[in-house]
Structure formats: structure tokens, C-alpha cells
Protein backbone atom coordinates (compact mmCIF):
# COMPACT_ATOMS: atom_id res chain seq x y z
CA MET A 1 0.00 0.00 0.00
CA ASN A 2 1.35 3.43 -0.99
CA GLN A 3 0.78 6.53 1.09
CA PHE A 4 1.59 9.62 -1.01
CA HIS A 5 2.64 12.76 0.88
CA LEU A 6 2.21 15.79 -1.37
CA GLU A 7 3.13 18.56 1.06
CA VAL A 8 6.20 20.66 0.33
CA ASN A 9 8.99 19.56 2.68
CA TYR A 10 10.71 22.88 3.18
CA VAL A 11 13.82 21.51 4.88
CA PRO A 12 15.28 19.46 1.99
CA GLU A 13 13.72 21.72 -0.66
CA SER A 14 15.29 24.90 0.75
CA ILE A 15 18.72 23.24 0.95
CA THR A 16 18.40 22.02 -2.64
CA LEU A 17 17.54 25.53 -3.80
CA LEU A 18 20.61 26.95 -2.05
CA ASN A 19 22.75 24.20 -3.58
CA MET A 20 21.50 25.27 -7.01
CA VAL A 21 22.21 28.95 -6.33
CA ALA A 22 25.84 28.05 -5.55
CA GLN A 23 26.22 26.81 -9.13
CA PRO A 24 26.42 28.92 -12.32
CA ALA A 25 23.16 30.64 -13.30
CA GLY A 26 20.67 28.67 -15.35
CA PHE A 27 21.45 25.52 -13.41
CA GLU A 28 17.96 23.98 -13.53
CA ILE A 29 17.43 24.10 -17.29
CA ASN A 30 21.03 23.07 -18.01
CA PHE A 31 20.72 20.21 -15.51
CA MET A 32 17.53 18.85 -17.04
CA ASN A 33 18.87 19.26 -20.58
CA SER A 34 21.96 17.25 -19.64
CA ILE A 35 19.81 14.44 -18.22
CA ALA A 36 17.64 14.40 -21.36
CA ALA A 37 20.73 14.21 -23.57
CA GLU A 38 22.48 11.53 -21.49
CA TYR A 39 19.49 9.21 -21.33
CA GLY A 40 17.95 9.93 -24.72
CA ILE A 41 14.80 11.51 -23.25
CA THR A 42 12.48 13.90 -25.07
CA PRO A 43 10.51 15.80 -22.38
CA ASP A 44 6.89 16.57 -23.24
CA ALA A 45 5.23 19.99 -22.88
CA GLU A 46 4.19 19.34 -19.27
CA ALA A 47 7.73 18.42 -18.20
CA LYS A 48 9.20 21.44 -20.00
CA GLU A 49 6.65 23.74 -18.34
CA TYR A 50 7.56 22.38 -14.91
CA VAL A 51 11.30 22.83 -15.50
CA THR A 52 10.61 26.40 -16.65
CA MET A 53 8.83 27.09 -13.35
CA LEU A 54 11.76 25.64 -11.41
CA GLN A 55 14.08 27.94 -13.35
CA GLU A 56 11.91 30.90 -12.30
CA ILE A 57 12.27 29.81 -8.66
CA GLU A 58 16.04 29.54 -9.10
CA ASP A 59 16.24 32.99 -10.74
CA GLU A 60 14.24 34.59 -7.92
CA ALA A 61 16.48 32.92 -5.34
CA ARG A 62 19.58 34.31 -7.05
CA VAL A 63 18.18 37.81 -6.60
CA GLU A 64 17.32 37.10 -2.96
CA PHE A 65 20.83 35.84 -2.15
CA SER A 66 22.90 38.14 -4.34
CA LYS A 67 24.67 39.55 -1.27
CA ASP A 68 25.17 36.19 0.45
CA MET A 69 27.14 34.32 -2.18
CA GLU A 70 30.31 34.02 -0.11
CA ASP A 71 28.44 32.17 2.65
CA ILE A 72 26.45 30.06 0.19
CA ARG A 73 29.58 28.97 -1.66
CA PHE A 74 31.19 27.97 1.62
CA PHE A 75 28.29 25.70 2.55
CA CYS A 76 27.15 24.62 -0.91
CA GLY A 77 30.02 25.15 -3.32
CA MET A 78 31.52 21.97 -4.73
CA GLN A 79 33.98 21.38 -7.55
CA LYS A 80 31.38 19.16 -9.22
CA ILE A 81 27.82 19.05 -7.95
CA GLY A 82 26.89 16.03 -10.08
CA GLU A 83 23.39 14.68 -10.61
CA LYS A 84 22.54 14.51 -6.92
CA VAL A 85 22.12 18.29 -6.40
CA GLU A 86 23.63 17.62 -3.01
CA THR A 87 26.47 19.35 -1.15
CA PHE A 88 28.09 19.57 2.28
CA ALA A 89 25.11 21.64 3.45
CA ASN A 90 23.03 18.43 3.32
CA VAL A 91 25.58 16.74 5.57
CA LEU A 92 25.85 19.65 8.01
CA MET A 93 22.07 19.87 8.48
CA LEU A 94 21.62 16.05 8.56
CA ALA A 95 19.18 16.54 5.69
CA GLY A 96 18.94 12.93 4.56
CA ASN A 97 16.43 10.48 5.93
CA ASN A 98 15.61 12.88 8.78
CA ALA A 99 14.25 15.65 6.58
CA LEU A 100 11.37 13.93 4.77
CA ARG A 101 8.62 15.24 6.97
CA GLU A 102 6.33 18.26 6.84
CA ARG A 103 8.12 20.62 9.19
CA SER A 104 9.09 24.24 9.00
CA VAL A 105 12.77 25.13 8.87
CA ALA A 106 12.45 26.66 12.35
CA ASP A 107 10.97 23.47 13.82
CA TYR A 108 13.62 21.32 12.17
CA TYR A 109 16.41 23.55 13.44
CA ASP A 110 14.97 23.33 16.96
CA GLU A 111 15.13 19.54 16.71
CA LEU A 112 18.69 19.75 15.41
CA LYS A 113 19.75 21.96 18.32
CA GLY A 114 18.24 19.45 20.72
CA LEU A 115 20.47 16.59 19.58
CA SER A 116 23.26 15.52 21.91
CA GLU A 117 26.82 15.68 20.62
CA GLU A 118 26.84 11.88 20.48
CA GLU A 119 23.67 11.70 18.39
CA TYR A 120 24.74 14.49 16.04
CA THR A 121 28.09 12.74 15.52
CA ARG A 122 26.38 9.45 14.70
CA GLN A 123 24.02 11.03 12.20
CA PHE A 124 26.75 13.20 10.68
CA TYR A 125 28.81 10.05 10.13
CA TYR A 126 25.94 8.45 8.23
CA GLU A 127 25.44 11.54 6.04
CA VAL A 128 29.15 11.52 5.14
CA MET A 129 28.97 7.79 4.50
CA VAL A 130 26.22 8.03 1.88
CA PHE A 131 27.29 11.40 0.44
CA GLY A 132 27.31 11.21 -3.34
CA THR A 133 25.44 7.89 -3.49
CA ARG A 134 21.80 6.90 -3.88
CA ARG A 135 20.15 6.37 -0.51
CA ILE A 136 19.20 2.73 -0.14
CA GLY A 137 19.03 0.98 3.21
CA GLN A 138 19.15 2.11 6.81
CA GLY A 139 21.32 4.52 8.73
CA ALA A 140 24.39 3.65 10.73
CA GLU A 141 23.83 1.86 14.02
CA GLY A 142 25.65 2.21 17.31
CA ALA A 143 27.91 4.89 18.73
CA VAL A 144 30.39 6.73 16.50
CA THR A 145 33.41 8.74 17.65
CA ALA A 146 34.72 12.00 16.22
CA LEU A 147 37.87 10.15 15.16
CA GLU A 148 35.76 7.76 13.08
CA VAL A 149 34.12 10.77 11.39
CA PHE A 150 37.53 12.20 10.47
CA ASP A 151 38.74 8.82 9.20
CA LEU A 152 35.64 8.44 7.04
CA ILE A 153 36.07 11.92 5.56
CA GLN A 154 39.62 10.99 4.54
CA GLN A 155 38.26 7.95 2.67
CA LYS A 156 35.89 10.01 0.51
CA GLU A 157 36.67 10.99 -3.09
CA LEU A 158 37.11 14.67 -2.25
CA SER A 159 39.85 17.23 -2.73
CA ASP A 160 42.05 18.05 0.28
CA ALA A 161 40.40 21.47 0.51
CA GLU A 162 36.93 19.89 0.55
CA LYS A 163 37.96 17.41 3.23
CA LEU A 164 39.22 20.25 5.40
CA ARG A 165 36.02 22.21 4.87
CA LEU A 166 33.87 19.23 5.84
CA GLN A 167 35.96 18.64 8.95
CA LYS A 168 35.57 22.31 9.87
CA MET A 169 31.80 22.07 9.50
CA PHE A 170 31.74 19.07 11.84
CA ILE A 171 33.90 20.72 14.49
CA HIS A 172 31.93 24.00 14.45
CA HIS A 173 28.56 22.51 13.55
CA ARG A 174 26.50 24.42 16.13
CA GLU A 175 27.67 27.79 14.84
CA TYR A 176 27.34 26.80 11.19
CA CYS A 177 23.93 25.13 11.59
CA GLU A 178 22.54 28.34 13.07
CA LYS A 179 23.94 30.42 10.23
CA PHE A 180 22.74 28.09 7.49
CA ALA A 181 19.28 27.73 9.05
CA GLY A 182 18.84 31.47 8.49
CA LEU A 183 19.63 31.04 4.80
CA MET A 184 17.21 28.10 4.63
CA GLU A 185 14.39 30.22 6.08
CA ARG A 186 14.81 32.76 3.30
CA ALA A 187 15.03 30.06 0.62
CA ALA A 188 11.83 28.51 1.97
CA GLY A 189 10.20 31.94 1.63
CA VAL A 190 11.02 31.97 -2.09
CA ILE A 191 9.58 28.48 -2.60
CA LYS A 192 6.45 29.32 -0.58
CA LYS A 193 5.33 31.74 -3.30
CA TYR A 194 4.97 28.80 -5.69
CA GLU A 195 3.41 26.36 -3.23
CA LYS A 196 -0.02 26.10 -4.92
CA LYS A 197 1.53 25.30 -8.31
CA LEU A 198 3.88 22.77 -6.73
CA LEU A 199 1.05 20.99 -4.93
CA ALA A 200 -0.97 20.84 -8.15
CA LYS A 201 2.01 19.14 -9.80
CA GLY A 202 2.29 16.76 -6.86
CA LYS A 203 -1.28 15.54 -7.41
CA LYS A 204 -0.45 14.74 -11.04
CA VAL A 205 2.71 12.88 -10.01
CA ALA A 206 0.80 10.75 -7.50
CA ALA A 207 -1.89 9.93 -10.07
CA TYR A 208 0.73 9.03 -12.67
CA PHE A 209 2.57 6.62 -10.39
CA GLU A 210 -0.61 5.03 -9.09
CA GLY A 211 -1.33 4.11 -12.70
CA VAL A 212 2.21 2.85 -13.34
CA LEU A 213 2.43 0.80 -10.16
CA GLY A 214 -0.71 -1.23 -10.77
CA GLY A 215 -1.17 -2.13 -7.12
CA SER A 216 2.54 -2.61 -6.32
CA THR A 217 4.36 -0.37 -3.85
CA MET A 218 6.76 2.29 -5.09
CA ALA A 219 9.67 0.65 -3.23
CA ALA A 220 9.05 -2.72 -4.88
CA TYR A 221 8.77 -1.02 -8.28
CA ILE A 222 12.09 0.81 -7.86
CA MET A 223 13.85 -2.33 -6.65
CA LYS A 224 12.59 -4.28 -9.65
CA GLU A 225 13.69 -1.57 -12.09
CA LEU A 226 16.98 -0.92 -10.31
CA PHE A 227 18.16 -4.52 -10.43
CA LEU A 228 17.51 -5.33 -14.07
CA ASP A 229 13.90 -6.49 -13.69
CA GLN A 230 14.90 -9.47 -11.58
CA GLU A 231 12.56 -10.68 -8.89
CA TYR A 232 14.07 -10.74 -5.42
CA GLY A 233 10.98 -11.36 -3.34
CA ASN A 234 10.94 -7.97 -1.63
CA ASN A 235 7.90 -7.67 0.59
CA PHE A 236 7.32 -3.91 0.81
CA GLU A 237 3.72 -4.03 1.95
CA GLU A 238 3.76 -0.49 3.37
CA CYS A 239 5.38 2.44 1.60
CA ASP A 240 5.41 6.19 2.28
CA VAL A 241 6.08 8.23 -0.86
CA TYR A 242 7.32 11.83 -0.51
CA ILE A 243 7.38 14.15 -3.53
CA SER A 244 10.59 16.10 -4.15
CA TYR A 245 9.69 19.30 -6.01
CA ILE A 246 12.89 21.34 -6.37
CA LYS A 247 15.16 18.31 -6.63
CA SER A 248 12.86 17.16 -9.40
CA ALA A 249 14.78 14.09 -10.65
CA ALA A 250 15.25 12.58 -7.16
CA MET A 251 14.95 8.85 -6.57
CA GLY A 252 15.83 7.12 -3.32
CA PHE A 253 14.43 5.09 -0.48
CA PHE A 254 15.25 3.79 2.95
CA PHE A 255 13.64 1.73 5.68
CA GLU A 256 11.99 3.16 8.74
CA GLY A 257 11.41 1.77 12.18
CA GLU A 258 13.05 -0.69 14.53
CA PRO A 259 12.79 -3.28 13.19
CA ALA A 260 12.61 -1.85 9.67
CA ALA A 261 9.05 -2.61 8.67
CA ARG A 262 8.16 0.23 6.31
CA ALA A 263 9.79 1.57 3.15
CA VAL A 264 10.08 5.33 2.62
CA VAL A 265 10.54 6.64 -0.93
CA ASN A 266 11.60 10.10 -2.11
CA ILE A 267 10.60 10.64 -5.76
CA GLY A 268 11.05 13.65 -8.04
CA ALA A 269 8.12 15.62 -9.44
CA VAL A 270 9.37 15.74 -13.03
CA TYR A 271 8.62 12.08 -13.81
CA ASN A 272 5.80 11.38 -16.24
CA ASP A 273 5.21 9.42 -19.46
CA SER A 274 8.04 11.26 -21.22
CA ILE A 275 10.55 11.09 -18.35
CA ARG A 276 10.18 7.59 -16.92
CA ILE A 277 12.14 6.46 -13.91
CA GLY A 278 12.63 3.03 -15.46
CA ASP A 279 14.44 4.52 -18.44
CA LEU A 280 16.92 6.33 -16.22
CA LEU A 281 17.54 3.31 -14.03
CA LYS A 282 17.97 0.86 -16.90
CA ASN A 283 20.34 3.17 -18.73
CA GLN A 284 22.45 3.44 -15.60
CA ASN A 285 23.07 -0.32 -15.77
CA SER A 286 25.08 -0.04 -19.00
CA LEU A 287 28.84 -0.07 -18.49
CA ASN A 288 31.35 2.47 -19.70
CA GLU A 289 34.98 3.15 -18.88
CA ASP A 290 34.24 5.49 -15.95
CA LYS A 291 31.83 3.04 -14.31
CA VAL A 292 34.21 0.12 -14.78
CA LEU A 293 37.10 2.06 -13.24
CA MET A 294 34.88 2.94 -10.26
CA MET A 295 33.90 -0.71 -9.81
CA LEU A 296 37.51 -1.88 -9.98
CA LYS A 297 38.46 0.72 -7.40
CA LEU A 298 35.75 -0.62 -5.07
CA LEU A 299 36.97 -4.19 -5.59
CA ALA A 300 40.50 -3.11 -4.70
CA ASP A 301 39.22 -2.40 -1.17
CA LYS A 302 39.65 -5.58 0.87
CA SER A 303 36.50 -5.17 2.96
CA LYS A 304 34.27 -4.49 -0.04
CA PHE A 305 35.75 -7.48 -1.86
CA GLN A 306 35.10 -9.65 1.21
CA ILE A 307 31.48 -8.49 1.40
CA LEU A 308 30.89 -9.57 -2.20
CA SER A 309 32.69 -12.87 -1.63
CA ALA A 310 30.66 -13.56 1.52
CA THR A 311 27.35 -12.95 -0.23
CA VAL A 312 27.82 -14.85 -3.50
CA GLU A 313 25.99 -17.98 -2.40
CA LYS A 314 23.90 -16.70 0.48
CA ALA A 315 22.49 -13.29 1.36
CA ALA A 316 23.44 -11.71 4.69
CA TYR A 317 22.24 -8.73 6.70
CA GLY A 318 24.41 -6.00 8.17
CA ALA A 319 25.04 -7.47 11.62
CA GLN A 320 25.93 -10.85 10.10
CA LEU A 321 28.47 -9.25 7.76
CA ALA A 322 29.91 -7.24 10.66
CA ASN A 323 30.46 -10.45 12.65
CA MET A 324 31.93 -12.28 9.65
CA LEU A 325 34.43 -9.56 8.81
CA GLY A 326 35.14 -8.16 12.26
CA LEU A 327 33.82 -4.69 11.36
CA THR A 328 31.27 -2.36 12.90
CA THR A 329 27.77 -2.18 11.42
CA ALA A 330 28.47 1.47 10.56
CA THR A 331 31.49 0.44 8.49
CA ILE A 332 29.48 -2.31 6.80
CA SER A 333 26.82 0.28 5.91
CA HIS A 334 29.51 2.48 4.38
CA HIS A 335 30.80 -0.35 2.19
CA THR A 336 27.39 -1.71 1.16
CA SER A 337 26.17 1.77 0.16
CA ALA A 338 29.07 2.10 -2.29
CA LEU A 339 28.56 -1.42 -3.68
CA LEU A 340 24.82 -0.91 -4.07
CA GLU A 341 25.38 2.34 -5.94
CA GLN A 342 27.42 0.49 -8.56
CA LYS A 343 24.94 -2.44 -8.72
CA LEU A 344 27.56 -4.90 -7.45
CA LEU A 345 25.24 -5.78 -4.58
CA THR A 346 21.51 -6.37 -4.57
CA LEU A 347 19.23 -5.67 -1.66
CA GLU A 348 16.30 -7.68 -0.34
CA LYS A 349 13.93 -7.12 2.56
CA VAL A 350 12.85 -10.34 4.24
CA ASP A 351 10.44 -9.93 7.14
CA THR A 352 12.07 -7.11 9.12
CA LYS A 353 15.70 -7.48 7.99
CA ILE A 354 17.59 -6.00 5.03
CA TYR A 355 19.73 -8.62 3.27
CA TYR A 356 22.58 -8.06 0.81
CA ARG A 357 23.65 -10.41 -1.98
CA ALA A 358 26.34 -10.13 -4.64
CA ASN A 359 24.87 -9.30 -8.04
CA PRO A 360 26.26 -12.00 -10.38
CA GLU A 361 24.90 -10.34 -13.54
CA MET A 362 26.77 -7.08 -12.90
CA ILE A 363 29.94 -8.90 -11.83
CA ARG A 364 29.86 -10.98 -15.04
CA ALA A 365 29.29 -7.84 -17.10
CA LEU A 366 32.30 -6.22 -15.41
CA VAL A 367 34.51 -9.25 -16.10
CA GLU A 368 33.39 -9.39 -19.74
CA TYR A 369 34.11 -5.68 -20.19
CA VAL A 370 37.62 -6.07 -18.80
CA LYS A 371 38.27 -9.15 -20.97
CA LYS A 372 37.08 -7.32 -24.06
CA GLU A 373 39.15 -4.21 -23.42
CA LEU A 374 42.35 -5.77 -22.07
CA LEU A 375 42.42 -9.21 -23.69
CA LYS A 376 40.46 -8.32 -26.84
CA GLU A 377 38.27 -11.41 -26.27
């Protein structure tokens, strides 16, 4: 059963808008044009109209923040923003799984201020862990130390300057969260002017997906599309679906509750008959040189290689893998997120546990690619 939530979630939407403002002007239209070109998509009139409205919101925000660009670039400026429209601001404000609820920026900031140092550190670690990857699975479990945060930052594919900036944000997070929350309030004010139009679009998105799903849950649909139409027996009976308006090509989900009994999906508002989520996901399964090099780099990591080896014949959940390999569940989550992003692992929910299994189809495709390129076979 799907429960669609159409309200504008001003916490993640305001951060996304600020992330866009930190990039060169005309980001929204250029971003959507690049996606259309990469995946061979021809947007229809409705999709083009929606992107035009998003560009208007971006343009208005640029006027609003014309005198704040130094601060915005500190929090949101990245060498390459990529397709995720996500920056260190998302990490600082813990704006991942926590943010998908109808709350004002002020209420969310109050909750953030109320976190203990231990809880903020744990959640910050998880946000760093999944930064730059699609969100699939649950957050890190157990206590995390500041030293573990610093070690994880050093493992990320970031420049030295970016690593130092992220460390600085962690150390001075209370000061920086207060400052950035003020920017978020103003960004939310810009979005608020378009709320009626956004909600009208949300109703169309919900109706479209209800027709596409045919009684299935959104989480089960994404899992089926994500892993090459294979059936893995995922039992996602309950699914909350949140519409992402400003980050209009979003696609991600996680599991909520202890134990994890309910799937939560975040889906972009731009999807329709001309921009289908299945097309994007299937096209992402094709291999090219950049993807192969990324996969080989992951396999060069001993722990990631061991996770794949341990799950070839039998799926395992996080705590089992942690016991097998002598690692913490937080470290296992870090490794499985990276492997899932490259389709080297598959994910299955059985009862209340999330199981991981090596994806033999993608591993074979990787081996065949290497053989073709290096052995000319």
C-alpha cells in the first residue's frame, strides 16, 4: 500500500535551492537538458513547463541571495555538484532520511539543536557515508566517535580542501547550523510563493505513479527496475512516498522503524510518461569506462571485496556481515552503500531485515568488459 505525501517539505527543498544557487546561473534548465541528452529523453510539454517554473524559482532565489554568495559557496560550493544536487550543506544539516517530513525550517532547526553531541556525531557520520550515493538501506547503528568521522572523511573521493572544509563544518557545527538555518528560512520563503503550483504538480505525479504501479508499492517497483527487472521477493507491503519538487529528478528510499518494517521513498516531481524512472535506471546499468574504473576501485578495497565474496551464495544482513568480517555495522553500511550504488550488490527485505547479496549479472558484465578491453576477447 502506498501513502503519497504531497506537502512541500521545506527543509530538503530549501537546501536544494541553495545548492542550485551556488552553481552557475541557469542551473535547472542546463541540468535537465543534460539528463535528457544523457538518457535519450524527449521531455513533453508538461515536463518542460515544470522545469521552466523551477528555473523561475532559481532565478528569484539568485536575486534574494545576491549579497550572500560568499556564505552560500562555503556551505554549498563543490567542484562538481553532479546529478545529486547535493552538497556539504546536506551533511551539516543532517538533511537525509531525517528531513522527509512536513516541518518548517524553524521546527527542524529546533530539533537539530536538541540533539546531543553523540547523536549528532552518529548522524553526521551516516550523512558523510552516503554522500554522493543513492540512498538505499538504513542509517548507521551504534555509537560513533569524532575520530571515526575524520577517518571516514579521509576515505571520501574529495579534494584536500573539501575534506578540510567538511571537517571544519563538523567541528563547528553548532555555529554553522545556526547560520545556514537562516539562509534556509529565506530560501523557503522563495519556494512558498509557488506552493499552490507545486502541490498541483504533486497531485499529477501521484496519479501518474498510481497508474504505473498497478497495485505494487513504489519501493518494490524501484527495486525491480533498479536490479535489471529481476525478482528478489521484496515484501514492501507499506510504503510512504514523498514528492521532491525542487530536486525534481530525485529517486531514493530507505527503511523506517526498529525493526525496519516500512519503506520510505523520495521521488522527483518531473517524472511522467516522457521522463520515466525506469528509463533512467535501466540506462544506468550499462557499463562504460568510468563506471568500470569505479567498480575496480571498489573491488581493490579488501573489505568491499570480502562483502561480495561472503554474499555470493547466500544473502546476509548487516550485523551478520559485521560479525563475519570483524567490522562495525556502521562500516558495513559504508561499504554496502558504495557497492549498491554500482549495482555490485543487490538488496532484499525479508520480514524485518535487510539482506545483501552479490549481483552475479553485474559482476559478469564487469569481467566481460575487462576481458574485451584488455584481452580483446
